[in-house]
Amino acid sequence: MRAGLMRPFIKYAGIAFAVQIVLLVSLGLLGNLISPAIDSLFEVFLKIYEPFILLVATLGNFKGESAMIEPVWMGVGLGVLIYSLLLGFAGVLLKRAH
C-alpha cells in the first residue's frame, strides 16, 4: 500500500473500529440494564460476528464453562478487528475510485 493511502486507511479503519466498539458497549449495557427489547437488538447485532465466534470455538478446543464464554469474547474481538480492516480497505478503494 502506498504511503499516500495509508493515512486514509488508518482513518477509515479507526472510524469503523470506534463505531463497532461504541455499538457493542452501548447496546450491551443498555440491553442488560434498561430494556429487553434493546437486548434482542444486541443479539441481532452479535449475529454479524457469528462466523468469527464459530471459528474461534472450533479452533479453540475449549472445555467446560470456558466453551460458553471465551469463544464469544474472542470471536467478537477478532470480528471487530477484521471488519475494521475490511472497512478501511473499502474506504480507501472508494476514495481512490472517486
Protein backbone atom coordinates (compact mmCIF):
# COMPACT_ATOMS: atom_id res chain seq x y z
CA MET A 1 0.00 0.00 0.00
CA ARG A 2 1.38 3.37 -0.95
CA ALA A 3 2.21 5.90 1.73
CA GLY A 4 -0.49 8.27 0.47
CA LEU A 5 -3.14 5.61 1.01
CA MET A 6 -2.02 4.60 4.47
CA ARG A 7 -3.39 7.66 6.26
CA PRO A 8 -6.95 7.28 4.83
CA PHE A 9 -6.82 3.54 5.54
CA ILE A 10 -5.95 4.16 9.19
CA LYS A 11 -8.63 6.85 9.40
CA TYR A 12 -11.40 4.67 7.96
CA ALA A 13 -10.34 1.57 9.89
CA GLY A 14 -10.21 3.62 13.09
CA ILE A 15 -13.67 5.06 12.50
CA ALA A 16 -15.06 1.57 11.78
CA PHE A 17 -13.38 0.22 14.91
CA ALA A 18 -14.74 3.04 17.09
CA VAL A 19 -18.29 2.70 15.74
CA GLN A 20 -18.31 -1.06 16.36
CA ILE A 21 -16.98 -0.69 19.91
CA VAL A 22 -19.47 2.06 20.75
CA LEU A 23 -22.36 -0.04 19.39
CA LEU A 24 -21.25 -3.18 21.21
CA VAL A 25 -20.78 -1.43 24.54
CA SER A 26 -23.88 0.75 24.36
CA LEU A 27 -26.23 -1.98 23.12
CA GLY A 28 -24.80 -4.46 25.61
CA LEU A 29 -25.11 -2.13 28.58
CA LEU A 30 -28.48 -0.70 27.63
CA GLY A 31 -29.85 -4.15 26.87
CA ASN A 32 -28.77 -5.56 30.21
CA LEU A 33 -29.69 -2.55 32.32
CA ILE A 34 -32.74 -1.00 30.72
CA SER A 35 -34.77 -2.92 28.19
CA PRO A 36 -35.14 -6.50 26.92
CA ALA A 37 -36.09 -5.05 23.52
CA ILE A 38 -32.64 -3.48 23.24
CA ASP A 39 -31.12 -6.76 24.41
CA SER A 40 -32.76 -8.54 21.46
CA LEU A 41 -31.27 -5.87 19.17
CA PHE A 42 -27.87 -6.62 20.72
CA GLU A 43 -28.36 -10.33 19.94
CA VAL A 44 -29.12 -9.48 16.31
CA PHE A 45 -26.04 -7.27 16.20
CA LEU A 46 -23.91 -10.16 17.54
CA LYS A 47 -25.02 -12.34 14.64
CA ILE A 48 -22.73 -10.23 12.45
CA TYR A 49 -19.79 -11.71 14.37
CA GLU A 50 -21.14 -15.28 14.38
CA PRO A 51 -18.69 -16.63 11.75
CA PHE A 52 -15.75 -15.50 13.89
CA ILE A 53 -17.30 -16.85 17.08
CA LEU A 54 -17.79 -20.23 15.42
CA LEU A 55 -14.23 -20.16 14.04
CA VAL A 56 -12.77 -19.48 17.48
CA ALA A 57 -15.00 -22.12 19.08
CA THR A 58 -13.95 -24.70 16.50
CA LEU A 59 -10.23 -24.00 16.63
CA GLY A 60 -10.05 -23.24 20.34
CA ASN A 61 -10.86 -26.68 21.77
CA PHE A 62 -12.44 -25.05 24.82
CA LYS A 63 -13.73 -27.29 27.62
CA GLY A 64 -16.37 -26.77 30.29
CA GLU A 65 -17.61 -23.31 31.15
CA SER A 66 -14.94 -21.62 29.05
CA ALA A 67 -16.57 -23.14 25.95
CA MET A 68 -19.62 -20.94 26.60
CA ILE A 69 -17.93 -17.61 27.24
CA GLU A 70 -14.45 -17.37 25.75
CA PRO A 71 -15.31 -18.08 22.09
CA VAL A 72 -17.88 -15.28 22.14
CA TRP A 73 -15.48 -12.65 23.52
CA MET A 74 -12.56 -13.77 21.40
CA GLY A 75 -14.72 -14.13 18.28
CA VAL A 76 -16.27 -10.69 18.70
CA GLY A 77 -12.82 -9.16 19.20
CA LEU A 78 -11.49 -10.90 16.11
CA GLY A 79 -14.57 -9.86 14.14
CA VAL A 80 -14.25 -6.23 15.16
CA LEU A 81 -10.62 -6.22 14.08
CA ILE A 82 -11.22 -7.94 10.73
CA TYR A 83 -14.32 -5.89 9.88
CA SER A 84 -12.42 -2.69 10.74
CA LEU A 85 -9.61 -3.67 8.37
CA LEU A 86 -12.07 -4.59 5.61
CA LEU A 87 -13.97 -1.33 6.00
CA GLY A 88 -10.67 0.57 5.98
CA PHE A 89 -9.73 -1.09 2.68
CA ALA A 90 -13.21 -0.38 1.28
CA GLY A 91 -12.91 3.27 2.26
CA VAL A 92 -9.54 3.57 0.51
CA LEU A 93 -10.86 1.85 -2.61
CA LEU A 94 -13.92 4.10 -2.73
CA LYS A 95 -11.79 7.19 -2.22
CA ARG A 96 -9.41 6.06 -4.98
CA ALA A 97 -12.26 5.33 -7.38
CA HIS A 98 -13.85 8.70 -6.70
